[in-house]
Amino acid sequence: MLQTPRTIELVADRIEQAYQRRRPQSLSHIGDTRVWTMAAQALLEAHRQTPWLPLDPELFVAAQTLRTRAGDPWSDLAPRPAMVRYRRRILYIVQSLRRELRTEVRRVEGLVRRGRSTESILGTSHRWLSPLGAFIAAYKLDRLDLMEGLRPGARDQHDACPLYRIACRTFLPTSAYPVIELLPGLSLTPRIGPPWPELCLN
């Protein structure tokens, strides 16, 4: 994505809002507001160089280790260490999601091998099987007839955490993923509150 002035401004505004929600005490400590533009340019450049790295200002802020109680964005969002933390957090989340999906799919495959019908497994709600896990299992079991009915739930799961797209590359070709991606890695909708808190902030 090009770093046009308008794009930088929009991303900078979302970074500022996300940071101030996380550190409301920082309002009296910011001083030079160019920090938001600096952080936005760094995030846009990182996304340009690595398209799978999400252009998600709220997740970018959530991934940071804030050093002081009051908050110092010049320290917390300094480009090089902030991008290292962001990349590491994204990889951690993706690996966690991939393990989750792999466990679900293997369990479905095991039940099918033991004689359970695919319809009875994928057509029933289970606490241990997510909609996206069921969608992947249908694809791997060559049950394309079941995939369309599972698509809405899989889309909802993606909307809750778009990083599932990256995690699914091990299991699905890009053309089979349940959500079409218009711009690689781009979250178009601002998030209110911390995204995926258990994965991002622990």
Protein backbone atom coordinates (compact mmCIF):
# COMPACT_ATOMS: atom_id res chain seq x y z
CA MET A 1 0.00 0.00 0.00
CA LEU A 2 1.31 3.45 -0.95
CA GLN A 3 2.24 5.83 1.85
CA THR A 4 0.03 8.66 0.69
CA PRO A 5 -0.48 11.55 3.14
CA ARG A 6 -4.11 10.52 3.63
CA THR A 7 -3.22 6.89 4.31
CA ILE A 8 -0.53 7.89 6.79
CA GLU A 9 -2.98 10.23 8.51
CA LEU A 10 -5.65 7.55 8.84
CA VAL A 11 -3.23 4.94 10.21
CA ALA A 12 -1.67 7.51 12.55
CA ASP A 13 -5.10 8.45 13.94
CA ARG A 14 -5.92 4.81 14.66
CA ILE A 15 -2.56 4.25 16.36
CA GLU A 16 -3.09 7.33 18.51
CA GLN A 17 -6.61 6.28 19.51
CA ALA A 18 -5.53 2.71 20.29
CA TYR A 19 -2.58 3.92 22.37
CA GLN A 20 -4.67 6.41 24.33
CA ARG A 21 -7.28 3.75 25.07
CA ARG A 22 -4.55 1.54 26.44
CA ARG A 23 -2.71 4.34 28.23
CA PRO A 24 -5.17 7.17 28.97
CA GLN A 25 -2.62 8.67 31.38
CA SER A 26 -0.37 9.41 28.39
CA LEU A 27 -2.52 12.36 27.28
CA SER A 28 -0.50 14.76 29.41
CA HIS A 29 2.89 13.26 28.52
CA ILE A 30 2.94 13.13 24.71
CA GLY A 31 4.26 16.57 23.79
CA ASP A 32 5.35 16.12 20.17
CA THR A 33 2.45 14.45 18.32
CA ARG A 34 4.64 13.52 15.35
CA VAL A 35 5.11 10.20 17.14
CA TRP A 36 1.86 8.90 15.62
CA THR A 37 2.97 9.75 12.08
CA MET A 38 6.34 8.12 12.71
CA ALA A 39 4.68 4.94 13.96
CA ALA A 40 2.22 4.92 11.04
CA GLN A 41 5.00 5.25 8.47
CA ALA A 42 6.91 2.41 10.09
CA LEU A 43 3.85 0.14 10.12
CA LEU A 44 3.01 0.91 6.49
CA GLU A 45 6.59 0.25 5.43
CA ALA A 46 6.70 -3.03 7.34
CA HIS A 47 3.47 -4.10 5.64
CA ARG A 48 4.84 -3.09 2.23
CA GLN A 49 7.99 -5.15 2.75
CA THR A 50 6.12 -8.10 4.30
CA PRO A 51 2.53 -8.18 2.94
CA TRP A 52 1.40 -10.95 5.31
CA LEU A 53 2.16 -8.66 8.26
CA PRO A 54 -1.26 -7.11 8.99
CA LEU A 55 -1.78 -3.41 8.59
CA ASP A 56 -3.71 -3.37 11.85
CA PRO A 57 -2.96 -0.31 14.01
CA GLU A 58 -4.91 -1.61 17.02
CA LEU A 59 -3.11 -4.95 17.04
CA PHE A 60 0.20 -3.14 16.50
CA VAL A 61 -0.38 -1.13 19.68
CA ALA A 62 -1.64 -4.17 21.60
CA ALA A 63 1.56 -6.05 20.72
CA GLN A 64 3.80 -3.49 22.41
CA THR A 65 5.33 -3.84 25.87
CA LEU A 66 4.64 -0.48 27.49
CA ARG A 67 7.53 0.54 29.69
CA THR A 68 6.00 3.06 32.05
CA ARG A 69 2.71 3.32 33.90
CA ALA A 70 1.94 6.73 32.43
CA GLY A 71 2.99 5.76 28.91
CA ASP A 72 5.66 7.23 26.67
CA PRO A 73 4.75 6.69 23.01
CA TRP A 74 8.17 7.90 21.80
CA SER A 75 9.73 5.00 23.70
CA ASP A 76 6.94 2.44 23.28
CA LEU A 77 6.49 2.96 19.53
CA ALA A 78 10.09 3.58 18.43
CA PRO A 79 10.11 2.03 14.93
CA ARG A 80 12.77 -0.68 15.05
CA PRO A 81 12.00 -2.36 18.40
CA ALA A 82 8.25 -1.82 17.97
CA MET A 83 8.29 -3.65 14.63
CA VAL A 84 10.36 -6.49 16.08
CA ARG A 85 7.80 -6.90 18.87
CA TYR A 86 4.92 -6.71 16.40
CA ARG A 87 6.39 -9.33 14.08
CA ARG A 88 7.10 -11.68 16.99
CA ARG A 89 3.58 -11.29 18.34
CA ILE A 90 2.03 -11.96 14.93
CA LEU A 91 4.12 -15.11 14.50
CA TYR A 92 3.17 -16.27 18.00
CA ILE A 93 -0.54 -15.75 17.32
CA VAL A 94 -0.36 -17.51 13.94
CA GLN A 95 1.48 -20.49 15.42
CA SER A 96 -1.11 -20.73 18.21
CA LEU A 97 -4.00 -20.61 15.76
CA ARG A 98 -2.35 -23.20 13.52
CA ARG A 99 -1.91 -25.60 16.45
CA GLU A 100 -5.55 -25.10 17.41
CA LEU A 101 -6.79 -25.88 13.90
CA ARG A 102 -4.43 -28.84 13.44
CA THR A 103 -5.73 -30.41 16.66
CA GLU A 104 -9.35 -29.98 15.56
CA VAL A 105 -8.82 -31.39 12.07
CA ARG A 106 -6.87 -34.39 13.32
CA ARG A 107 -9.64 -35.20 15.76
CA VAL A 108 -12.22 -35.12 12.97
CA GLU A 109 -10.04 -37.33 10.78
CA GLY A 110 -9.57 -39.76 13.65
CA LEU A 111 -13.32 -40.04 14.23
CA VAL A 112 -13.90 -40.67 10.52
CA ARG A 113 -11.26 -43.41 10.52
CA ARG A 114 -13.08 -45.03 13.45
CA GLY A 115 -16.31 -45.17 11.46
CA ARG A 116 -18.15 -41.95 12.30
CA SER A 117 -19.78 -40.33 9.28
CA THR A 118 -18.42 -36.98 8.16
CA GLU A 119 -21.96 -35.56 8.10
CA SER A 120 -22.60 -36.49 11.72
CA ILE A 121 -19.38 -34.81 12.83
CA LEU A 122 -19.41 -31.67 10.74
CA GLY A 123 -23.17 -31.25 10.81
CA THR A 124 -23.29 -31.06 14.60
CA SER A 125 -22.00 -28.34 16.92
CA HIS A 126 -19.09 -29.47 19.11
CA ARG A 127 -17.28 -27.48 21.80
CA TRP A 128 -13.96 -28.80 20.51
CA LEU A 129 -14.56 -27.99 16.82
CA SER A 130 -14.56 -24.42 15.52
CA PRO A 131 -16.41 -23.46 12.31
CA LEU A 132 -13.12 -22.90 10.50
CA GLY A 133 -11.77 -26.23 11.76
CA ALA A 134 -14.88 -27.93 10.38
CA PHE A 135 -14.47 -26.10 7.05
CA ILE A 136 -10.85 -27.26 6.75
CA ALA A 137 -11.78 -30.82 7.71
CA ALA A 138 -14.46 -30.90 5.00
CA TYR A 139 -11.88 -29.77 2.44
CA LYS A 140 -9.28 -32.31 3.55
CA LEU A 141 -11.85 -35.11 3.54
CA ASP A 142 -12.87 -34.11 0.01
CA ARG A 143 -16.38 -33.22 1.11
CA LEU A 144 -16.78 -30.09 -0.96
CA ASP A 145 -20.55 -30.57 -0.76
CA LEU A 146 -20.41 -29.73 2.96
CA MET A 147 -18.11 -26.72 2.67
CA GLU A 148 -20.71 -24.22 1.50
CA GLY A 149 -22.90 -24.79 4.54
CA LEU A 150 -19.87 -24.32 6.80
CA ARG A 151 -18.68 -21.15 5.06
CA PRO A 152 -20.74 -18.55 7.02
CA GLY A 153 -19.43 -19.74 10.38
CA ALA A 154 -15.88 -19.86 9.03
CA ARG A 155 -16.26 -16.28 7.78
CA ASP A 156 -17.42 -15.14 11.21
CA GLN A 157 -14.41 -16.80 12.79
CA HIS A 158 -12.11 -15.03 10.32
CA ASP A 159 -13.79 -11.69 11.05
CA ALA A 160 -13.06 -12.18 14.76
CA CYS A 161 -9.40 -12.84 13.99
CA PRO A 162 -8.15 -12.21 10.42
CA LEU A 163 -4.83 -13.88 11.26
CA TYR A 164 -6.61 -17.19 10.71
CA ARG A 165 -5.95 -16.58 7.01
CA ILE A 166 -2.20 -16.89 7.54
CA ALA A 167 -2.61 -19.84 9.90
CA CYS A 168 -4.72 -21.67 7.31
CA ARG A 169 -2.08 -21.57 4.58
CA THR A 170 -0.83 -24.92 5.88
CA PHE A 171 -4.26 -26.47 5.36
CA LEU A 172 -6.01 -24.67 2.49
CA PRO A 173 -4.97 -23.19 -0.85
CA THR A 174 -5.62 -19.46 -1.08
CA SER A 175 -8.52 -20.02 -3.49
CA ALA A 176 -10.32 -22.25 -0.97
CA TYR A 177 -10.17 -19.87 2.00
CA PRO A 178 -13.72 -18.80 2.98
CA VAL A 179 -13.03 -15.04 2.80
CA ILE A 180 -11.75 -13.19 -0.27
CA GLU A 181 -8.85 -10.85 0.49
CA LEU A 182 -8.91 -7.65 -1.58
CA LEU A 183 -5.73 -6.16 -0.10
CA PRO A 184 -3.18 -8.58 1.43
CA GLY A 185 -2.87 -8.21 5.18
CA LEU A 186 -5.13 -5.16 5.45
CA SER A 187 -7.74 -4.83 8.18
CA LEU A 188 -10.20 -2.26 6.85
CA THR A 189 -12.30 -1.92 10.00
CA PRO A 190 -10.90 -0.21 13.11
CA ARG A 191 -11.15 -2.30 16.26
CA ILE A 192 -12.62 -0.94 19.47
CA GLY A 193 -10.81 -2.34 22.47
CA PRO A 194 -7.95 -4.85 22.48
CA PRO A 195 -8.06 -7.38 19.62
CA TRP A 196 -7.80 -11.05 20.55
CA PRO A 197 -6.73 -10.21 24.12
CA GLU A 198 -5.67 -13.66 25.31
CA LEU A 199 -3.19 -14.07 22.44
CA CYS A 200 -2.05 -10.49 22.07
CA LEU A 201 -1.56 -9.36 25.61
CA ASN A 202 -0.45 -12.44 27.55
